[in-house]
Amino acid sequence: MWTLLIGISSGFLAGTLIKGRGFGCFGNLMVGILGSFLGNWLFRYLQIPVNENDKTLLLAMSTLGAIFLLALVSIFTKR
């Protein structure tokens, strides 16, 4: 349950920060979940410790990953 809430929240936050609005419930969830995987990988790559019980830190990690994901997508889709 927490995974879905964090995924939707982080997708919405990333969409709002990058695009100015969210992507809808399903879009926010997909961006958030993909961003969560990317954020987890980035934090491990940078050797930043993550406490899995800290929901605020998980939300921040997922949001940063989602922002990074949206930035990558915007770089590759610009014409």
N, C-alpha and C. Protein backbone atom coordinates (compact mmCIF):
# COMPACT_ATOMS: atom_id res chain seq x y z
N MET A 1 0.82 -1.19 0.00
CA MET A 1 0.00 0.00 0.00
C MET A 1 0.87 1.26 0.00
N TRP A 2 1.92 1.26 0.83
CA TRP A 2 2.82 2.41 0.88
C TRP A 2 3.49 2.64 -0.47
N THR A 3 3.81 1.55 -1.17
CA THR A 3 4.47 1.67 -2.46
C THR A 3 3.60 2.44 -3.44
N LEU A 4 2.32 2.13 -3.48
CA LEU A 4 1.40 2.84 -4.38
C LEU A 4 1.27 4.31 -4.00
N LEU A 5 1.11 4.58 -2.71
CA LEU A 5 0.97 5.97 -2.27
C LEU A 5 2.22 6.78 -2.54
N ILE A 6 3.37 6.19 -2.27
CA ILE A 6 4.63 6.89 -2.53
C ILE A 6 4.83 7.06 -4.04
N GLY A 7 4.48 6.04 -4.82
CA GLY A 7 4.61 6.13 -6.27
C GLY A 7 3.74 7.22 -6.87
N ILE A 8 2.48 7.27 -6.46
CA ILE A 8 1.57 8.31 -6.97
C ILE A 8 2.03 9.69 -6.52
N SER A 9 2.43 9.80 -5.26
CA SER A 9 2.87 11.10 -4.73
C SER A 9 4.14 11.58 -5.42
N SER A 10 5.11 10.70 -5.57
CA SER A 10 6.37 11.13 -6.18
C SER A 10 6.18 11.45 -7.67
N GLY A 11 5.33 10.70 -8.36
CA GLY A 11 5.04 11.00 -9.75
C GLY A 11 4.35 12.34 -9.90
N PHE A 12 3.41 12.62 -9.00
CA PHE A 12 2.71 13.91 -9.02
C PHE A 12 3.68 15.05 -8.73
N LEU A 13 4.52 14.89 -7.70
CA LEU A 13 5.48 15.94 -7.36
C LEU A 13 6.45 16.21 -8.51
N ALA A 14 6.97 15.14 -9.10
CA ALA A 14 7.91 15.29 -10.22
C ALA A 14 7.22 15.95 -11.41
N GLY A 15 6.01 15.52 -11.72
CA GLY A 15 5.27 16.12 -12.83
C GLY A 15 4.97 17.58 -12.60
N THR A 16 4.64 17.93 -11.36
CA THR A 16 4.35 19.32 -11.02
C THR A 16 5.61 20.17 -11.12
N LEU A 17 6.72 19.64 -10.64
CA LEU A 17 7.97 20.41 -10.67
C LEU A 17 8.52 20.56 -12.08
N ILE A 18 8.42 19.53 -12.89
CA ILE A 18 8.99 19.56 -14.24
C ILE A 18 8.03 20.16 -15.25
N LYS A 19 6.78 19.72 -15.19
CA LYS A 19 5.80 20.06 -16.23
C LYS A 19 4.79 21.12 -15.81
N GLY A 20 4.67 21.35 -14.53
CA GLY A 20 3.69 22.32 -14.04
C GLY A 20 2.37 21.69 -13.65
N ARG A 21 2.20 20.40 -13.93
CA ARG A 21 0.98 19.67 -13.53
C ARG A 21 1.31 18.18 -13.50
N GLY A 22 0.42 17.40 -12.93
CA GLY A 22 0.62 15.96 -12.87
C GLY A 22 0.28 15.28 -14.18
N PHE A 23 0.34 13.96 -14.18
CA PHE A 23 0.08 13.17 -15.39
C PHE A 23 -1.21 12.36 -15.28
N GLY A 24 -2.05 12.64 -14.29
CA GLY A 24 -3.21 11.81 -14.03
C GLY A 24 -2.79 10.69 -13.08
N CYS A 25 -3.75 10.02 -12.49
CA CYS A 25 -3.45 9.02 -11.46
C CYS A 25 -2.55 7.90 -11.99
N PHE A 26 -2.91 7.30 -13.13
CA PHE A 26 -2.12 6.20 -13.67
C PHE A 26 -0.75 6.68 -14.14
N GLY A 27 -0.71 7.84 -14.78
CA GLY A 27 0.57 8.39 -15.23
C GLY A 27 1.49 8.72 -14.07
N ASN A 28 0.92 9.32 -13.01
CA ASN A 28 1.70 9.62 -11.81
C ASN A 28 2.27 8.34 -11.21
N LEU A 29 1.44 7.31 -11.17
CA LEU A 29 1.87 6.03 -10.60
C LEU A 29 3.03 5.45 -11.40
N MET A 30 2.91 5.47 -12.73
CA MET A 30 3.97 4.90 -13.57
C MET A 30 5.27 5.70 -13.47
N VAL A 31 5.17 7.02 -13.52
CA VAL A 31 6.36 7.86 -13.38
C VAL A 31 6.97 7.66 -12.00
N GLY A 32 6.13 7.58 -10.98
CA GLY A 32 6.62 7.40 -9.62
C GLY A 32 7.31 6.07 -9.40
N ILE A 33 6.74 5.00 -9.93
CA ILE A 33 7.34 3.67 -9.75
C ILE A 33 8.66 3.58 -10.52
N LEU A 34 8.66 4.03 -11.77
CA LEU A 34 9.91 4.04 -12.53
C LEU A 34 10.95 4.95 -11.88
N GLY A 35 10.49 6.08 -11.38
CA GLY A 35 11.39 6.99 -10.67
C GLY A 35 11.92 6.40 -9.39
N SER A 36 11.10 5.58 -8.74
CA SER A 36 11.55 4.92 -7.52
C SER A 36 12.68 3.95 -7.80
N PHE A 37 12.54 3.18 -8.88
CA PHE A 37 13.63 2.26 -9.25
C PHE A 37 14.89 3.05 -9.62
N LEU A 38 14.71 4.11 -10.39
CA LEU A 38 15.86 4.92 -10.80
C LEU A 38 16.48 5.62 -9.59
N GLY A 39 15.66 6.15 -8.70
CA GLY A 39 16.17 6.80 -7.50
C GLY A 39 16.91 5.84 -6.60
N ASN A 40 16.38 4.62 -6.46
CA ASN A 40 17.06 3.59 -5.66
C ASN A 40 18.42 3.27 -6.26
N TRP A 41 18.48 3.13 -7.58
CA TRP A 41 19.74 2.84 -8.24
C TRP A 41 20.73 4.00 -8.05
N LEU A 42 20.24 5.24 -8.22
CA LEU A 42 21.12 6.40 -8.06
C LEU A 42 21.67 6.51 -6.64
N PHE A 43 20.81 6.30 -5.65
CA PHE A 43 21.26 6.39 -4.26
C PHE A 43 22.28 5.30 -3.96
N ARG A 44 22.07 4.10 -4.46
CA ARG A 44 23.05 3.04 -4.26
C ARG A 44 24.35 3.34 -4.99
N TYR A 45 24.26 3.88 -6.21
CA TYR A 45 25.44 4.22 -7.00
C TYR A 45 26.26 5.30 -6.29
N LEU A 46 25.57 6.28 -5.71
CA LEU A 46 26.24 7.36 -4.99
C LEU A 46 26.56 6.98 -3.54
N GLN A 47 26.24 5.76 -3.16
CA GLN A 47 26.49 5.21 -1.82
C GLN A 47 25.84 6.05 -0.72
N ILE A 48 24.60 6.46 -0.97
CA ILE A 48 23.81 7.18 0.03
C ILE A 48 22.94 6.15 0.74
N PRO A 49 23.10 6.00 2.06
CA PRO A 49 22.31 4.98 2.77
C PRO A 49 20.83 5.36 2.83
N VAL A 50 19.98 4.36 2.67
CA VAL A 50 18.53 4.58 2.70
C VAL A 50 17.92 3.66 3.74
N ASN A 51 17.17 4.24 4.68
CA ASN A 51 16.43 3.48 5.67
C ASN A 51 15.07 3.16 5.08
N GLU A 52 14.80 1.89 4.84
CA GLU A 52 13.55 1.47 4.19
C GLU A 52 12.31 1.78 5.03
N ASN A 53 12.48 2.08 6.32
CA ASN A 53 11.33 2.38 7.18
C ASN A 53 10.99 3.86 7.19
N ASP A 54 11.85 4.69 6.65
CA ASP A 54 11.64 6.14 6.62
C ASP A 54 10.87 6.51 5.35
N LYS A 55 9.57 6.68 5.48
CA LYS A 55 8.71 6.94 4.32
C LYS A 55 9.02 8.29 3.67
N THR A 56 9.42 9.28 4.47
CA THR A 56 9.76 10.59 3.92
C THR A 56 10.98 10.49 3.02
N LEU A 57 11.99 9.75 3.46
CA LEU A 57 13.20 9.56 2.66
C LEU A 57 12.88 8.77 1.39
N LEU A 58 12.01 7.77 1.49
CA LEU A 58 11.62 7.02 0.30
C LEU A 58 10.87 7.90 -0.69
N LEU A 59 10.03 8.80 -0.19
CA LEU A 59 9.32 9.73 -1.06
C LEU A 59 10.31 10.67 -1.75
N ALA A 60 11.28 11.17 -1.00
CA ALA A 60 12.29 12.06 -1.58
C ALA A 60 13.12 11.32 -2.63
N MET A 61 13.53 10.10 -2.32
CA MET A 61 14.32 9.30 -3.26
C MET A 61 13.53 9.02 -4.53
N SER A 62 12.28 8.65 -4.38
CA SER A 62 11.42 8.37 -5.54
C SER A 62 11.17 9.63 -6.36
N THR A 63 10.95 10.75 -5.69
CA THR A 63 10.72 12.01 -6.40
C THR A 63 11.96 12.44 -7.17
N LEU A 64 13.12 12.34 -6.55
CA LEU A 64 14.36 12.69 -7.25
C LEU A 64 14.59 11.77 -8.45
N GLY A 65 14.31 10.49 -8.28
CA GLY A 65 14.43 9.56 -9.39
C GLY A 65 13.45 9.88 -10.50
N ALA A 66 12.23 10.25 -10.15
CA ALA A 66 11.22 10.59 -11.15
C ALA A 66 11.59 11.89 -11.88
N ILE A 67 12.14 12.86 -11.16
CA ILE A 67 12.59 14.10 -11.80
C ILE A 67 13.72 13.78 -12.78
N PHE A 68 14.65 12.95 -12.36
CA PHE A 68 15.76 12.54 -13.23
C PHE A 68 15.22 11.83 -14.46
N LEU A 69 14.24 10.95 -14.27
CA LEU A 69 13.62 10.23 -15.38
C LEU A 69 12.96 11.20 -16.35
N LEU A 70 12.20 12.15 -15.84
CA LEU A 70 11.52 13.11 -16.71
C LEU A 70 12.53 14.01 -17.43
N ALA A 71 13.62 14.35 -16.76
CA ALA A 71 14.67 15.15 -17.41
C ALA A 71 15.30 14.36 -18.55
N LEU A 72 15.57 13.07 -18.33
CA LEU A 72 16.13 12.24 -19.40
C LEU A 72 15.17 12.12 -20.57
N VAL A 73 13.90 11.91 -20.27
CA VAL A 73 12.89 11.78 -21.33
C VAL A 73 12.80 13.08 -22.12
N SER A 74 12.82 14.21 -21.44
CA SER A 74 12.71 15.49 -22.15
C SER A 74 13.94 15.76 -23.01
N ILE A 75 15.11 15.31 -22.58
CA ILE A 75 16.33 15.49 -23.38
C ILE A 75 16.22 14.69 -24.68
N PHE A 76 15.76 13.46 -24.58
CA PHE A 76 15.73 12.58 -25.75
C PHE A 76 14.52 12.81 -26.65
N THR A 77 13.50 13.50 -26.18
CA THR A 77 12.32 13.70 -27.02
C THR A 77 12.26 15.10 -27.63
N LYS A 78 13.17 16.00 -27.24
CA LYS A 78 13.18 17.34 -27.85
C LYS A 78 13.67 17.24 -29.29
N ARG A 79 13.05 18.01 -30.14
CA ARG A 79 13.43 18.00 -31.56
C ARG A 79 14.17 19.25 -31.93
